Each structure stands twice: as structure tokens, then as C-alpha cells.
Amino acid sequence: MACITKGHTIACSDRNRRGGIKRIWLSEIDNVGMGDFAVDSSTGAIDQMLSTAAYEFEFERETAGFTANATRENGSTKVDVELEFYVPKVTNDVAARLNELTCSCGIVAVIETYATDASDDNYFFVLGWDAIFTKNAYLEFSSGEMASGLALQDANGTLVKLMGIQGEYPLELKMDATPVVEGIFSSNAAASGTVNISWADASLTDSKWYVQYTV
């Protein structure tokens, strides 16, 4: 079976790329409809993902990023994935969120990067799910390094790390940079409906994947 189907061309926008992560949403695997994932066979990107509760975790600018490192041994390949971000200021609310992360039974993360393509759309990726391991590719809480600092101008906050093992590199999630409904992912309120990343309705003129919210 042939695995290599085409080469890779570097565009001008690839040379003028940006690093870092813009936004992060976390959802427990029990809230994600594993059978509702749809992967485009031609592009390999995720076309659809449904979750009943996904929450945005804000962080200090230029502190969030993910790595995906693949190794091969005895004919098998695994990809170690790590997501980290820094939450400023040590507070009881931060501690409560950390305690929730420590007791979660697997996490799927949607991240938006600052890198854009030629049409200025940002790239979104899913960590904690792939077409090989499916729900067993979940992320787990790895560490929450909380520190108050010593001097008045020392860093005061928490470095959060989530880690997981996947069977392939993280897949892109096709969605528009401007969701149809803003604010559907909340860090302060529980979701009461379905977060549905799916094809836009007929009233929208362009052919993008949008985030839609159904109560």
C-alpha cells in the first residue's frame, strides 16, 4: 500500500508565519461525541466535532503552545503530544480549575494558532483525538506548577501542562476564524446546549466550516 500521495509546496504565507496559540478550549471526552467526528478523506482534516460542554481557558499572552513528537519502534509509531499554557495570578478560582483538571478522565482540546493561510484564516487543531486511537488519544493533566514568586516583580501564576499519546499527528479542524455565534465557549458558565462545529447553513454564502450553537 502506497502511503506517500503527494509532495509539499511552501507558500509565501508559510514563510511569514507566527508562532504561539491564540485560544484554547477544553472538553472532557465524556462530553465529546466520538462517533460524530468526521474526517475529510481528501484533506485529512476534521470536518465535524460535537461536544455538549467545551470551555475556553484564557492564558498569559505568548505562554501557550503545543508539541507533537513522533517516534517509531518495532514497527509502531506513537506521537507524544503536550499542551502547555500559563495562567497568571494565584487565586482560589485557578486552584479550583486545576483540581477539576486533575480529576478529569480524559480531555480533548481545540486550539487556535496565530498562524494563518493565504486567505488570512487561522488554523485550528484538535489534540486528544485522532482517527487511529479515537477516544484513547485523550489528553491528561500532567502538571500544574503554581508559584507566588518571591519579589514584587516575580511571576505569580500557574504553568499548566496536559499530555497524551496519539497514533498520528494532530489533525486540523476546519472552521472559520469568525464563528457564527460568538462566546459559545465559556470559562465561567456551564454549557446548556451543544457546541457543534459543522457545515454552515444555506443562508451563509461562503463554504467554510463554522462553530454553531444549538440550545
C-alpha atoms as a PDB file:
ATOM      1  CA  MET A   1       0.000   0.000   0.000  1.00  0.00           C
ATOM      2  CA  ALA A   2       1.378   3.396  -1.012  1.00  0.00           C
ATOM      3  CA  CYS A   3       1.369   5.976   1.814  1.00  0.00           C
ATOM      4  CA  ILE A   4       3.027   8.943   0.104  1.00  0.00           C
ATOM      5  CA  THR A   5       0.478  10.551  -2.225  1.00  0.00           C
ATOM      6  CA  LYS A   6       1.997  13.973  -2.984  1.00  0.00           C
ATOM      7  CA  GLY A   7       4.770  16.411  -2.122  1.00  0.00           C
ATOM      8  CA  HIS A   8       4.622  19.689  -0.225  1.00  0.00           C
ATOM      9  CA  THR A   9       4.857  23.251  -1.546  1.00  0.00           C
ATOM     10  CA  ILE A  10       5.829  26.151   0.705  1.00  0.00           C
ATOM     11  CA  ALA A  11       3.726  29.269   0.151  1.00  0.00           C
ATOM     12  CA  CYS A  12       4.730  32.849   0.928  1.00  0.00           C
ATOM     13  CA  SER A  13       2.319  32.847   3.891  1.00  0.00           C
ATOM     14  CA  ASP A  14       4.204  29.830   5.279  1.00  0.00           C
ATOM     15  CA  ARG A  15       7.424  31.850   5.382  1.00  0.00           C
ATOM     16  CA  ASN A  16       5.634  34.740   7.107  1.00  0.00           C
ATOM     17  CA  ARG A  17       4.126  32.621   9.849  1.00  0.00           C
ATOM     18  CA  ARG A  18       3.554  33.364  13.519  1.00  0.00           C
ATOM     19  CA  GLY A  19       4.189  31.135  16.495  1.00  0.00           C
ATOM     20  CA  GLY A  20       2.087  30.599  19.590  1.00  0.00           C
ATOM     21  CA  ILE A  21      -1.527  29.831  20.420  1.00  0.00           C
ATOM     22  CA  LYS A  22      -4.367  32.342  20.385  1.00  0.00           C
ATOM     23  CA  ARG A  23      -7.196  30.444  22.123  1.00  0.00           C
ATOM     24  CA  ILE A  24      -7.731  27.109  23.895  1.00  0.00           C
ATOM     25  CA  TRP A  25     -10.962  25.185  24.555  1.00  0.00           C
ATOM     26  CA  LEU A  26     -11.058  22.049  26.699  1.00  0.00           C
ATOM     27  CA  SER A  27     -13.757  19.373  26.814  1.00  0.00           C
ATOM     28  CA  GLU A  28     -13.864  16.084  28.713  1.00  0.00           C
ATOM     29  CA  ILE A  29     -14.074  13.015  26.483  1.00  0.00           C
ATOM     30  CA  ASP A  30     -17.424  12.045  28.045  1.00  0.00           C
ATOM     31  CA  ASN A  31     -18.851  15.290  26.618  1.00  0.00           C
ATOM     32  CA  VAL A  32     -17.493  14.697  23.120  1.00  0.00           C
ATOM     33  CA  GLY A  33     -19.471  12.612  20.658  1.00  0.00           C
ATOM     34  CA  MET A  34     -16.729  10.285  19.438  1.00  0.00           C
ATOM     35  CA  GLY A  35     -18.956   8.876  16.710  1.00  0.00           C
ATOM     36  CA  ASP A  36     -19.716  12.408  15.488  1.00  0.00           C
ATOM     37  CA  PHE A  37     -16.186  13.147  14.301  1.00  0.00           C
ATOM     38  CA  ALA A  38     -15.967  13.407  10.533  1.00  0.00           C
ATOM     39  CA  VAL A  39     -12.630  13.429   8.703  1.00  0.00           C
ATOM     40  CA  ASP A  40     -12.406  14.618   5.103  1.00  0.00           C
ATOM     41  CA  SER A  41     -10.840  11.792   3.116  1.00  0.00           C
ATOM     42  CA  SER A  42      -9.276  14.178   0.592  1.00  0.00           C
ATOM     43  CA  THR A  43      -7.664  16.639   3.031  1.00  0.00           C
ATOM     44  CA  GLY A  44      -7.321  14.558   6.211  1.00  0.00           C
ATOM     45  CA  ALA A  45      -8.803  17.444   8.235  1.00  0.00           C
ATOM     46  CA  ILE A  46     -11.656  17.124  10.722  1.00  0.00           C
ATOM     47  CA  ASP A  47     -14.898  18.428   9.231  1.00  0.00           C
ATOM     48  CA  GLN A  48     -17.157  17.967  12.245  1.00  0.00           C
ATOM     49  CA  MET A  49     -16.825  17.690  16.019  1.00  0.00           C
ATOM     50  CA  LEU A  50     -19.618  17.798  18.592  1.00  0.00           C
ATOM     51  CA  SER A  51     -19.344  18.478  22.318  1.00  0.00           C
ATOM     52  CA  THR A  52     -22.004  19.133  24.956  1.00  0.00           C
ATOM     53  CA  ALA A  53     -19.614  21.208  27.095  1.00  0.00           C
ATOM     54  CA  ALA A  54     -16.419  22.930  25.972  1.00  0.00           C
ATOM     55  CA  TYR A  55     -14.771  25.686  27.995  1.00  0.00           C
ATOM     56  CA  GLU A  56     -12.321  28.372  26.979  1.00  0.00           C
ATOM     57  CA  PHE A  57      -9.201  28.664  29.134  1.00  0.00           C
ATOM     58  CA  GLU A  58      -7.547  32.050  28.849  1.00  0.00           C
ATOM     59  CA  PHE A  59      -3.813  32.451  29.497  1.00  0.00           C
ATOM     60  CA  GLU A  60      -0.976  34.941  29.557  1.00  0.00           C
ATOM     61  CA  ARG A  61       0.000  36.082  26.084  1.00  0.00           C
ATOM     62  CA  GLU A  62       2.938  34.216  24.496  1.00  0.00           C
ATOM     63  CA  THR A  63       2.892  31.411  27.076  1.00  0.00           C
ATOM     64  CA  ALA A  64       0.813  28.757  25.285  1.00  0.00           C
ATOM     65  CA  GLY A  65       1.980  26.171  22.786  1.00  0.00           C
ATOM     66  CA  PHE A  66       1.826  22.515  21.864  1.00  0.00           C
ATOM     67  CA  THR A  67       4.355  19.959  20.700  1.00  0.00           C
ATOM     68  CA  ALA A  68       3.838  16.663  18.856  1.00  0.00           C
ATOM     69  CA  ASN A  69       6.886  14.389  18.781  1.00  0.00           C
ATOM     70  CA  ALA A  70       6.694  11.097  16.875  1.00  0.00           C
ATOM     71  CA  THR A  71       8.892   8.053  17.493  1.00  0.00           C
ATOM     72  CA  ARG A  72       8.929   4.663  15.786  1.00  0.00           C
ATOM     73  CA  GLU A  73       9.974   1.398  17.415  1.00  0.00           C
ATOM     74  CA  ASN A  74       9.386  -2.227  16.453  1.00  0.00           C
ATOM     75  CA  GLY A  75       7.206  -1.189  13.531  1.00  0.00           C
ATOM     76  CA  SER A  76       4.843   1.032  15.563  1.00  0.00           C
ATOM     77  CA  THR A  77       4.661   4.816  15.621  1.00  0.00           C
ATOM     78  CA  LYS A  78       3.367   6.902  18.515  1.00  0.00           C
ATOM     79  CA  VAL A  79       3.070  10.657  18.831  1.00  0.00           C
ATOM     80  CA  ASP A  80       3.617  12.240  22.251  1.00  0.00           C
ATOM     81  CA  VAL A  81       1.512  15.397  22.459  1.00  0.00           C
ATOM     82  CA  GLU A  82       1.918  18.117  25.085  1.00  0.00           C
ATOM     83  CA  LEU A  83      -0.119  21.303  25.536  1.00  0.00           C
ATOM     84  CA  GLU A  84       1.008  23.994  27.967  1.00  0.00           C
ATOM     85  CA  PHE A  85      -0.213  27.446  28.966  1.00  0.00           C
ATOM     86  CA  TYR A  86       0.383  29.905  31.805  1.00  0.00           C
ATOM     87  CA  VAL A  87      -2.452  31.282  33.937  1.00  0.00           C
ATOM     88  CA  PRO A  88      -1.435  34.498  35.731  1.00  0.00           C
ATOM     89  CA  LYS A  89      -2.113  35.147  39.424  1.00  0.00           C
ATOM     90  CA  VAL A  90      -2.527  32.505  42.126  1.00  0.00           C
ATOM     91  CA  THR A  91      -6.184  32.525  43.172  1.00  0.00           C
ATOM     92  CA  ASN A  92      -8.748  30.139  44.610  1.00  0.00           C
ATOM     93  CA  ASP A  93     -10.559  30.116  41.259  1.00  0.00           C
ATOM     94  CA  VAL A  94      -7.392  28.977  39.485  1.00  0.00           C
ATOM     95  CA  ALA A  95      -6.886  26.269  42.115  1.00  0.00           C
ATOM     96  CA  ALA A  96     -10.469  25.097  41.585  1.00  0.00           C
ATOM     97  CA  ARG A  97      -9.926  24.810  37.817  1.00  0.00           C
ATOM     98  CA  LEU A  98      -6.702  22.881  38.413  1.00  0.00           C
ATOM     99  CA  ASN A  99      -8.480  20.469  40.758  1.00  0.00           C
ATOM    100  CA  GLU A 100     -11.094  19.874  38.055  1.00  0.00           C
ATOM    101  CA  LEU A 101      -8.371  19.143  35.522  1.00  0.00           C
ATOM    102  CA  THR A 102      -6.666  16.674  37.865  1.00  0.00           C
ATOM    103  CA  CYS A 103      -9.840  14.614  38.311  1.00  0.00           C
ATOM    104  CA  SER A 104     -10.931  14.651  34.664  1.00  0.00           C
ATOM    105  CA  CYS A 105     -10.998  11.295  32.881  1.00  0.00           C
ATOM    106  CA  GLY A 106      -9.507  12.443  29.602  1.00  0.00           C
ATOM    107  CA  ILE A 107      -9.555  15.756  27.724  1.00  0.00           C
ATOM    108  CA  VAL A 108      -9.973  16.818  24.111  1.00  0.00           C
ATOM    109  CA  ALA A 109      -8.529  20.248  23.301  1.00  0.00           C
ATOM    110  CA  VAL A 110      -9.303  22.580  20.400  1.00  0.00           C
ATOM    111  CA  ILE A 111      -6.578  25.154  19.885  1.00  0.00           C
ATOM    112  CA  GLU A 112      -6.412  28.163  17.587  1.00  0.00           C
ATOM    113  CA  THR A 113      -2.956  29.191  16.425  1.00  0.00           C
ATOM    114  CA  TYR A 114      -1.770  32.605  15.275  1.00  0.00           C
ATOM    115  CA  ALA A 115      -0.509  31.108  12.008  1.00  0.00           C
ATOM    116  CA  THR A 116      -2.703  31.986   9.033  1.00  0.00           C
ATOM    117  CA  ASP A 117      -3.039  30.763   5.469  1.00  0.00           C
ATOM    118  CA  ALA A 118      -3.182  32.798   2.271  1.00  0.00           C
ATOM    119  CA  SER A 119      -6.826  33.745   2.947  1.00  0.00           C
ATOM    120  CA  ASP A 120      -5.939  35.019   6.457  1.00  0.00           C
ATOM    121  CA  ASP A 121      -7.909  32.248   8.176  1.00  0.00           C
ATOM    122  CA  ASN A 122      -6.322  30.971  11.382  1.00  0.00           C
ATOM    123  CA  TYR A 123      -5.508  27.305  11.856  1.00  0.00           C
ATOM    124  CA  PHE A 124      -7.363  25.217  14.441  1.00  0.00           C
ATOM    125  CA  PHE A 125      -6.142  21.830  15.662  1.00  0.00           C
ATOM    126  CA  VAL A 126      -7.618  19.044  17.788  1.00  0.00           C
ATOM    127  CA  LEU A 127      -5.449  17.467  20.487  1.00  0.00           C
ATOM    128  CA  GLY A 128      -6.631  14.339  22.273  1.00  0.00           C
ATOM    129  CA  TRP A 129      -8.412  12.642  19.352  1.00  0.00           C
ATOM    130  CA  ASP A 130      -7.273  11.045  16.114  1.00  0.00           C
ATOM    131  CA  ALA A 131      -8.630   8.640  13.541  1.00  0.00           C
ATOM    132  CA  ILE A 132      -6.452   5.768  14.838  1.00  0.00           C
ATOM    133  CA  PHE A 133      -6.779   5.818  18.643  1.00  0.00           C
ATOM    134  CA  THR A 134     -10.056   7.842  18.643  1.00  0.00           C
ATOM    135  CA  LYS A 135     -11.061   8.450  22.299  1.00  0.00           C
ATOM    136  CA  ASN A 136      -7.946   6.671  23.604  1.00  0.00           C
ATOM    137  CA  ALA A 137      -5.818   9.528  22.275  1.00  0.00           C
ATOM    138  CA  TYR A 138      -7.127  11.755  25.091  1.00  0.00           C
ATOM    139  CA  LEU A 139      -5.004  14.276  26.960  1.00  0.00           C
ATOM    140  CA  GLU A 140      -4.455  14.023  30.702  1.00  0.00           C
ATOM    141  CA  PHE A 141      -3.428  16.555  33.326  1.00  0.00           C
ATOM    142  CA  SER A 142       0.347  16.328  33.592  1.00  0.00           C
ATOM    143  CA  SER A 143       1.324  19.168  35.920  1.00  0.00           C
ATOM    144  CA  GLY A 144       0.203  22.457  37.392  1.00  0.00           C
ATOM    145  CA  GLU A 145       3.244  24.341  38.640  1.00  0.00           C
ATOM    146  CA  MET A 146       1.800  27.065  40.880  1.00  0.00           C
ATOM    147  CA  ALA A 147       4.166  29.725  42.247  1.00  0.00           C
ATOM    148  CA  SER A 148       3.590  33.010  44.054  1.00  0.00           C
ATOM    149  CA  GLY A 149       7.086  34.339  43.415  1.00  0.00           C
ATOM    150  CA  LEU A 150       9.357  35.962  46.000  1.00  0.00           C
ATOM    151  CA  ALA A 151       9.907  39.578  44.933  1.00  0.00           C
ATOM    152  CA  LEU A 152       7.175  42.055  43.996  1.00  0.00           C
ATOM    153  CA  GLN A 153       8.007  41.766  40.303  1.00  0.00           C
ATOM    154  CA  ASP A 154       8.348  37.978  40.230  1.00  0.00           C
ATOM    155  CA  ALA A 155       5.977  35.856  38.169  1.00  0.00           C
ATOM    156  CA  ASN A 156       2.789  34.940  40.047  1.00  0.00           C
ATOM    157  CA  GLY A 157       0.722  32.213  38.420  1.00  0.00           C
ATOM    158  CA  THR A 158       0.473  28.615  37.259  1.00  0.00           C
ATOM    159  CA  LEU A 159       2.027  26.742  34.350  1.00  0.00           C
ATOM    160  CA  VAL A 160      -0.445  24.057  33.228  1.00  0.00           C
ATOM    161  CA  LYS A 161       0.597  21.047  31.141  1.00  0.00           C
ATOM    162  CA  LEU A 162      -1.610  18.413  29.510  1.00  0.00           C
ATOM    163  CA  MET A 163      -0.125  15.337  27.838  1.00  0.00           C
ATOM    164  CA  GLY A 164      -1.353  12.462  25.695  1.00  0.00           C
ATOM    165  CA  ILE A 165      -0.325   9.757  23.224  1.00  0.00           C
ATOM    166  CA  GLN A 166      -1.777   9.706  19.710  1.00  0.00           C
ATOM    167  CA  GLY A 167      -1.433   7.381  16.744  1.00  0.00           C
ATOM    168  CA  GLU A 168      -0.924  10.256  14.287  1.00  0.00           C
ATOM    169  CA  TYR A 169      -0.046  13.922  14.273  1.00  0.00           C
ATOM    170  CA  PRO A 170      -2.799  16.355  15.399  1.00  0.00           C
ATOM    171  CA  LEU A 171      -5.452  16.927  12.755  1.00  0.00           C
ATOM    172  CA  GLU A 172      -6.607  20.346  11.634  1.00  0.00           C
ATOM    173  CA  LEU A 173     -10.169  21.356  12.446  1.00  0.00           C
ATOM    174  CA  LYS A 174     -11.776  23.197   9.542  1.00  0.00           C
ATOM    175  CA  MET A 175     -13.684  26.196  10.864  1.00  0.00           C
ATOM    176  CA  ASP A 176     -13.885  29.889  10.211  1.00  0.00           C
ATOM    177  CA  ALA A 177     -11.851  32.402  12.219  1.00  0.00           C
ATOM    178  CA  THR A 178     -15.080  34.293  12.995  1.00  0.00           C
ATOM    179  CA  PRO A 179     -17.725  31.949  14.458  1.00  0.00           C
ATOM    180  CA  VAL A 180     -21.399  32.425  13.559  1.00  0.00           C
ATOM    181  CA  VAL A 181     -22.202  32.870  17.248  1.00  0.00           C
ATOM    182  CA  GLU A 182     -19.553  34.487  19.428  1.00  0.00           C
ATOM    183  CA  GLY A 183     -18.950  33.466  23.015  1.00  0.00           C
ATOM    184  CA  ILE A 184     -20.367  29.957  22.838  1.00  0.00           C
ATOM    185  CA  PHE A 185     -17.329  28.601  24.660  1.00  0.00           C
ATOM    186  CA  SER A 186     -17.284  29.999  28.181  1.00  0.00           C
ATOM    187  CA  SER A 187     -14.796  29.756  31.027  1.00  0.00           C
ATOM    188  CA  ASN A 188     -17.352  30.984  33.578  1.00  0.00           C
ATOM    189  CA  ALA A 189     -20.641  29.239  32.805  1.00  0.00           C
ATOM    190  CA  ALA A 190     -21.722  25.689  32.119  1.00  0.00           C
ATOM    191  CA  ALA A 191     -22.941  24.906  28.634  1.00  0.00           C
ATOM    192  CA  SER A 192     -26.680  24.305  28.248  1.00  0.00           C
ATOM    193  CA  GLY A 193     -26.684  23.107  24.671  1.00  0.00           C
ATOM    194  CA  THR A 194     -24.472  21.566  22.027  1.00  0.00           C
ATOM    195  CA  VAL A 195     -21.268  23.000  20.651  1.00  0.00           C
ATOM    196  CA  ASN A 196     -21.487  21.911  17.043  1.00  0.00           C
ATOM    197  CA  ILE A 197     -18.691  22.521  14.577  1.00  0.00           C
ATOM    198  CA  SER A 198     -20.396  21.744  11.302  1.00  0.00           C
ATOM    199  CA  TRP A 199     -21.203  22.975   7.818  1.00  0.00           C
ATOM    200  CA  ALA A 200     -22.717  26.449   7.648  1.00  0.00           C
ATOM    201  CA  ASP A 201     -26.412  26.737   6.846  1.00  0.00           C
ATOM    202  CA  ALA A 202     -27.724  27.749   3.432  1.00  0.00           C
ATOM    203  CA  SER A 203     -28.184  31.390   4.462  1.00  0.00           C
ATOM    204  CA  LEU A 204     -24.411  31.825   4.579  1.00  0.00           C
ATOM    205  CA  THR A 205     -22.767  32.426   1.251  1.00  0.00           C
ATOM    206  CA  ASP A 206     -19.241  31.088   1.628  1.00  0.00           C
ATOM    207  CA  SER A 207     -18.222  27.476   2.040  1.00  0.00           C
ATOM    208  CA  LYS A 208     -16.485  27.487   5.404  1.00  0.00           C
ATOM    209  CA  TRP A 209     -16.856  25.337   8.491  1.00  0.00           C
ATOM    210  CA  TYR A 210     -18.442  27.304  11.300  1.00  0.00           C
ATOM    211  CA  VAL A 211     -18.941  26.948  15.032  1.00  0.00           C
ATOM    212  CA  GLN A 212     -22.676  26.820  15.706  1.00  0.00           C
ATOM    213  CA  TYR A 213     -24.594  26.626  18.960  1.00  0.00           C
ATOM    214  CA  THR A 214     -27.827  24.723  19.471  1.00  0.00           C
ATOM    215  CA  VAL A 215     -29.781  25.064  22.724  1.00  0.00           C
END
